[in-house]
């Protein structure tokens, strides 16, 4: 898929395109010791996962990928460029992914996060996610494997349901 710069926001969200993958890989490789590959990102776009980027001054600074099926959403990847961390972009992307999940009828949203990623864990807890458990040796790590914490949050709750 190619881009039409005249139709793209200078700052804000838009769908992720194949042409975005080189910039996304740059962010990914700077953020993680075991980053996703070009092929994984291309496959996510190709199979129709909900993939978004966030631009600041026409530069991709964050991205998020969510899979939605059977009334459940699963955040597969959410990352902010090193240069833009601490500006609230992770929270903005998380809200975007939750909004899309709700619009598509998901009742719950799940994610895994590295046990060592205190910043992300704090974000998810502050946004109402609950820790469900641990996936042992889930993530590849520089010196072997790292556990993942599994988080979930209920979506599409009406006021009447939340008062019960």
C-alpha atoms as a PDB file:
ATOM      1  CA  UNK A   1       0.000   0.000   0.000  1.00  0.00           C
ATOM      2  CA  UNK A   2       1.423   3.376  -0.875  1.00  0.00           C
ATOM      3  CA  UNK A   3       0.977   6.659   0.901  1.00  0.00           C
ATOM      4  CA  UNK A   4      -0.667   9.819  -0.319  1.00  0.00           C
ATOM      5  CA  UNK A   5       1.053  12.589   1.672  1.00  0.00           C
ATOM      6  CA  UNK A   6      -1.771  15.018   0.877  1.00  0.00           C
ATOM      7  CA  UNK A   7      -4.239  12.814   2.780  1.00  0.00           C
ATOM      8  CA  UNK A   8      -2.055  11.916   5.763  1.00  0.00           C
ATOM      9  CA  UNK A   9      -2.136  13.734   9.113  1.00  0.00           C
ATOM     10  CA  UNK A  10       0.956  15.654  10.120  1.00  0.00           C
ATOM     11  CA  UNK A  11       0.246  14.763  13.743  1.00  0.00           C
ATOM     12  CA  UNK A  12      -2.178  12.037  14.811  1.00  0.00           C
ATOM     13  CA  UNK A  13      -3.215   8.466  14.169  1.00  0.00           C
ATOM     14  CA  UNK A  14      -3.512   6.671  10.879  1.00  0.00           C
ATOM     15  CA  UNK A  15      -3.424   3.060   9.692  1.00  0.00           C
ATOM     16  CA  UNK A  16      -0.028   1.388   9.367  1.00  0.00           C
ATOM     17  CA  UNK A  17       1.154   0.805   5.779  1.00  0.00           C
ATOM     18  CA  UNK A  18       3.809  -1.476   4.334  1.00  0.00           C
ATOM     19  CA  UNK A  19       5.830   1.657   3.537  1.00  0.00           C
ATOM     20  CA  UNK A  20       5.977   2.404   7.281  1.00  0.00           C
ATOM     21  CA  UNK A  21       7.805  -0.792   8.195  1.00  0.00           C
ATOM     22  CA  UNK A  22      11.379   0.576   7.844  1.00  0.00           C
ATOM     23  CA  UNK A  23      10.667   3.378  10.370  1.00  0.00           C
ATOM     24  CA  UNK A  24       8.804   0.955  12.640  1.00  0.00           C
ATOM     25  CA  UNK A  25      11.753  -1.463  12.554  1.00  0.00           C
ATOM     26  CA  UNK A  26      14.057   1.414  13.498  1.00  0.00           C
ATOM     27  CA  UNK A  27      11.908   2.155  16.572  1.00  0.00           C
ATOM     28  CA  UNK A  28      11.528  -1.539  17.400  1.00  0.00           C
ATOM     29  CA  UNK A  29      15.253  -2.255  17.215  1.00  0.00           C
ATOM     30  CA  UNK A  30      16.063   0.726  19.437  1.00  0.00           C
ATOM     31  CA  UNK A  31      13.474  -0.359  22.015  1.00  0.00           C
ATOM     32  CA  UNK A  32      13.996  -4.118  22.307  1.00  0.00           C
ATOM     33  CA  UNK A  33      16.905  -6.535  22.542  1.00  0.00           C
ATOM     34  CA  UNK A  34      14.821  -9.126  20.640  1.00  0.00           C
ATOM     35  CA  UNK A  35      12.739  -7.020  18.201  1.00  0.00           C
ATOM     36  CA  UNK A  36      10.032  -8.180  15.839  1.00  0.00           C
ATOM     37  CA  UNK A  37      11.154  -8.712  12.251  1.00  0.00           C
ATOM     38  CA  UNK A  38      10.109  -6.973   9.058  1.00  0.00           C
ATOM     39  CA  UNK A  39       8.201 -10.126   8.140  1.00  0.00           C
ATOM     40  CA  UNK A  40       6.168 -10.098  11.342  1.00  0.00           C
ATOM     41  CA  UNK A  41       5.062  -6.488  10.816  1.00  0.00           C
ATOM     42  CA  UNK A  42       4.274  -7.104   7.156  1.00  0.00           C
ATOM     43  CA  UNK A  43       2.258 -10.211   8.078  1.00  0.00           C
ATOM     44  CA  UNK A  44       0.251  -8.258  10.667  1.00  0.00           C
ATOM     45  CA  UNK A  45      -0.707  -5.707   8.027  1.00  0.00           C
ATOM     46  CA  UNK A  46      -1.344  -8.369   5.377  1.00  0.00           C
ATOM     47  CA  UNK A  47      -3.677 -10.508   7.531  1.00  0.00           C
ATOM     48  CA  UNK A  48      -5.716  -7.478   8.539  1.00  0.00           C
ATOM     49  CA  UNK A  49      -4.846  -6.917  12.182  1.00  0.00           C
ATOM     50  CA  UNK A  50      -5.718  -3.434  13.351  1.00  0.00           C
ATOM     51  CA  UNK A  51      -2.356  -1.681  12.945  1.00  0.00           C
ATOM     52  CA  UNK A  52      -1.860   2.007  13.682  1.00  0.00           C
ATOM     53  CA  UNK A  53       0.910   4.549  13.761  1.00  0.00           C
ATOM     54  CA  UNK A  54       1.048   7.871  15.558  1.00  0.00           C
ATOM     55  CA  UNK A  55       2.801  10.708  13.751  1.00  0.00           C
ATOM     56  CA  UNK A  56       4.309  13.861  15.211  1.00  0.00           C
ATOM     57  CA  UNK A  57       5.283  16.428  12.619  1.00  0.00           C
ATOM     58  CA  UNK A  58       4.838  13.775   9.890  1.00  0.00           C
ATOM     59  CA  UNK A  59       7.266  11.334  11.582  1.00  0.00           C
ATOM     60  CA  UNK A  60       6.116   7.992  13.005  1.00  0.00           C
ATOM     61  CA  UNK A  61       6.861   8.069  16.726  1.00  0.00           C
ATOM     62  CA  UNK A  62       4.611   5.259  18.020  1.00  0.00           C
ATOM     63  CA  UNK A  63       2.760   2.225  16.744  1.00  0.00           C
ATOM     64  CA  UNK A  64       0.299  -0.333  17.988  1.00  0.00           C
ATOM     65  CA  UNK A  65      -1.129  -3.601  16.718  1.00  0.00           C
ATOM     66  CA  UNK A  66      -4.255  -5.307  18.012  1.00  0.00           C
ATOM     67  CA  UNK A  67      -5.993  -8.521  17.022  1.00  0.00           C
ATOM     68  CA  UNK A  68      -9.750  -8.765  17.574  1.00  0.00           C
ATOM     69  CA  UNK A  69     -11.713 -12.024  17.366  1.00  0.00           C
ATOM     70  CA  UNK A  70     -14.585 -13.687  19.208  1.00  0.00           C
ATOM     71  CA  UNK A  71     -15.354 -10.536  21.252  1.00  0.00           C
ATOM     72  CA  UNK A  72     -11.788 -10.444  22.599  1.00  0.00           C
ATOM     73  CA  UNK A  73      -8.984  -8.075  21.730  1.00  0.00           C
ATOM     74  CA  UNK A  74      -5.291  -8.803  22.168  1.00  0.00           C
ATOM     75  CA  UNK A  75      -2.662  -6.076  22.038  1.00  0.00           C
ATOM     76  CA  UNK A  76       0.217  -7.654  20.150  1.00  0.00           C
ATOM     77  CA  UNK A  77       2.646  -4.739  20.111  1.00  0.00           C
ATOM     78  CA  UNK A  78       2.708  -1.170  21.396  1.00  0.00           C
ATOM     79  CA  UNK A  79       5.882   0.876  21.212  1.00  0.00           C
ATOM     80  CA  UNK A  80       7.020   4.497  21.376  1.00  0.00           C
ATOM     81  CA  UNK A  81      10.273   5.798  19.920  1.00  0.00           C
ATOM     82  CA  UNK A  82      13.031   6.387  22.457  1.00  0.00           C
ATOM     83  CA  UNK A  83      13.061  10.102  21.574  1.00  0.00           C
ATOM     84  CA  UNK A  84       9.378  10.531  22.454  1.00  0.00           C
ATOM     85  CA  UNK A  85       9.084   8.486  25.628  1.00  0.00           C
ATOM     86  CA  UNK A  86       7.569  10.282  28.593  1.00  0.00           C
ATOM     87  CA  UNK A  87       5.278  12.432  26.429  1.00  0.00           C
ATOM     88  CA  UNK A  88       2.125  10.344  26.873  1.00  0.00           C
ATOM     89  CA  UNK A  89       2.239   8.696  23.440  1.00  0.00           C
ATOM     90  CA  UNK A  90       2.047   5.196  24.918  1.00  0.00           C
ATOM     91  CA  UNK A  91      -1.130   6.165  26.741  1.00  0.00           C
ATOM     92  CA  UNK A  92      -2.560   7.759  23.582  1.00  0.00           C
ATOM     93  CA  UNK A  93      -1.833   4.611  21.584  1.00  0.00           C
ATOM     94  CA  UNK A  94      -3.309   2.389  24.291  1.00  0.00           C
ATOM     95  CA  UNK A  95      -6.494   4.484  24.276  1.00  0.00           C
ATOM     96  CA  UNK A  96      -6.662   4.266  20.476  1.00  0.00           C
ATOM     97  CA  UNK A  97      -6.350   0.470  20.564  1.00  0.00           C
ATOM     98  CA  UNK A  98      -9.006   0.174  23.293  1.00  0.00           C
ATOM     99  CA  UNK A  99     -11.328   2.464  21.329  1.00  0.00           C
ATOM    100  CA  UNK A 100     -10.950   0.335  18.191  1.00  0.00           C
ATOM    101  CA  UNK A 101     -11.527  -2.848  20.198  1.00  0.00           C
ATOM    102  CA  UNK A 102     -14.732  -1.429  21.676  1.00  0.00           C
ATOM    103  CA  UNK A 103     -15.954  -0.208  18.282  1.00  0.00           C
ATOM    104  CA  UNK A 104     -15.449  -3.707  16.899  1.00  0.00           C
ATOM    105  CA  UNK A 105     -17.432  -5.278  19.736  1.00  0.00           C
ATOM    106  CA  UNK A 106     -14.710  -6.644  21.995  1.00  0.00           C
ATOM    107  CA  UNK A 107     -15.816  -7.206  25.580  1.00  0.00           C
ATOM    108  CA  UNK A 108     -12.294  -7.625  26.913  1.00  0.00           C
ATOM    109  CA  UNK A 109      -8.748  -6.756  26.022  1.00  0.00           C
ATOM    110  CA  UNK A 110      -5.603  -8.706  26.875  1.00  0.00           C
ATOM    111  CA  UNK A 111      -1.874  -8.157  26.609  1.00  0.00           C
ATOM    112  CA  UNK A 112       1.443  -9.547  27.734  1.00  0.00           C
ATOM    113  CA  UNK A 113       4.255  -7.366  29.021  1.00  0.00           C
ATOM    114  CA  UNK A 114       7.804  -8.184  30.015  1.00  0.00           C
ATOM    115  CA  UNK A 115       8.145  -8.627  33.764  1.00  0.00           C
ATOM    116  CA  UNK A 116      11.000  -6.080  33.691  1.00  0.00           C
ATOM    117  CA  UNK A 117       9.034  -3.350  31.857  1.00  0.00           C
ATOM    118  CA  UNK A 118       8.016  -1.263  34.875  1.00  0.00           C
ATOM    119  CA  UNK A 119       6.962   1.754  32.800  1.00  0.00           C
ATOM    120  CA  UNK A 120       4.502  -0.265  30.702  1.00  0.00           C
ATOM    121  CA  UNK A 121       3.225  -2.170  33.749  1.00  0.00           C
ATOM    122  CA  UNK A 122       2.484   1.143  35.500  1.00  0.00           C
ATOM    123  CA  UNK A 123       0.672   2.432  32.416  1.00  0.00           C
ATOM    124  CA  UNK A 124      -1.539  -0.653  32.166  1.00  0.00           C
ATOM    125  CA  UNK A 125      -2.339  -0.662  35.875  1.00  0.00           C
ATOM    126  CA  UNK A 126      -3.141   3.069  35.805  1.00  0.00           C
ATOM    127  CA  UNK A 127      -5.496   2.460  32.879  1.00  0.00           C
ATOM    128  CA  UNK A 128      -7.488  -0.183  34.753  1.00  0.00           C
ATOM    129  CA  UNK A 129      -5.853  -3.381  33.537  1.00  0.00           C
ATOM    130  CA  UNK A 130      -5.666  -6.246  36.024  1.00  0.00           C
ATOM    131  CA  UNK A 131      -2.826  -8.747  36.230  1.00  0.00           C
ATOM    132  CA  UNK A 132      -4.143 -12.248  35.520  1.00  0.00           C
ATOM    133  CA  UNK A 133      -0.981 -14.298  35.779  1.00  0.00           C
ATOM    134  CA  UNK A 134       2.467 -15.082  34.436  1.00  0.00           C
ATOM    135  CA  UNK A 135       3.586 -16.802  31.235  1.00  0.00           C
ATOM    136  CA  UNK A 136       6.899 -18.413  32.144  1.00  0.00           C
ATOM    137  CA  UNK A 137       9.771 -17.893  29.692  1.00  0.00           C
ATOM    138  CA  UNK A 138       7.449 -16.177  27.204  1.00  0.00           C
ATOM    139  CA  UNK A 139       9.805 -13.587  25.745  1.00  0.00           C
ATOM    140  CA  UNK A 140      13.213 -14.197  24.216  1.00  0.00           C
ATOM    141  CA  UNK A 141      15.857 -12.284  26.124  1.00  0.00           C
ATOM    142  CA  UNK A 142      19.523 -11.533  25.715  1.00  0.00           C
ATOM    143  CA  UNK A 143      20.435 -14.187  28.275  1.00  0.00           C
ATOM    144  CA  UNK A 144      17.665 -16.731  27.668  1.00  0.00           C
ATOM    145  CA  UNK A 145      13.992 -16.079  28.353  1.00  0.00           C
ATOM    146  CA  UNK A 146      11.913 -13.608  30.340  1.00  0.00           C
ATOM    147  CA  UNK A 147       8.511 -14.073  31.929  1.00  0.00           C
ATOM    148  CA  UNK A 148       5.483 -12.152  30.701  1.00  0.00           C
ATOM    149  CA  UNK A 149       2.800 -10.729  32.924  1.00  0.00           C
ATOM    150  CA  UNK A 150      -0.690 -11.180  31.465  1.00  0.00           C
ATOM    151  CA  UNK A 151      -3.065  -8.256  31.886  1.00  0.00           C
ATOM    152  CA  UNK A 152      -6.732  -7.851  30.973  1.00  0.00           C
ATOM    153  CA  UNK A 153      -9.429  -5.228  31.122  1.00  0.00           C
ATOM    154  CA  UNK A 154     -13.181  -5.399  30.566  1.00  0.00           C
ATOM    155  CA  UNK A 155     -14.509  -3.225  27.737  1.00  0.00           C
ATOM    156  CA  UNK A 156     -17.943  -2.035  26.607  1.00  0.00           C
ATOM    157  CA  UNK A 157     -19.282  -1.867  30.162  1.00  0.00           C
ATOM    158  CA  UNK A 158     -22.442   0.182  30.537  1.00  0.00           C
ATOM    159  CA  UNK A 159     -23.098   2.226  33.680  1.00  0.00           C
ATOM    160  CA  UNK A 160     -25.779  -0.242  34.789  1.00  0.00           C
ATOM    161  CA  UNK A 161     -23.330  -3.158  34.541  1.00  0.00           C
ATOM    162  CA  UNK A 162     -20.608  -1.299  36.437  1.00  0.00           C
ATOM    163  CA  UNK A 163     -23.011  -0.546  39.341  1.00  0.00           C
ATOM    164  CA  UNK A 164     -23.794  -4.247  39.950  1.00  0.00           C
END
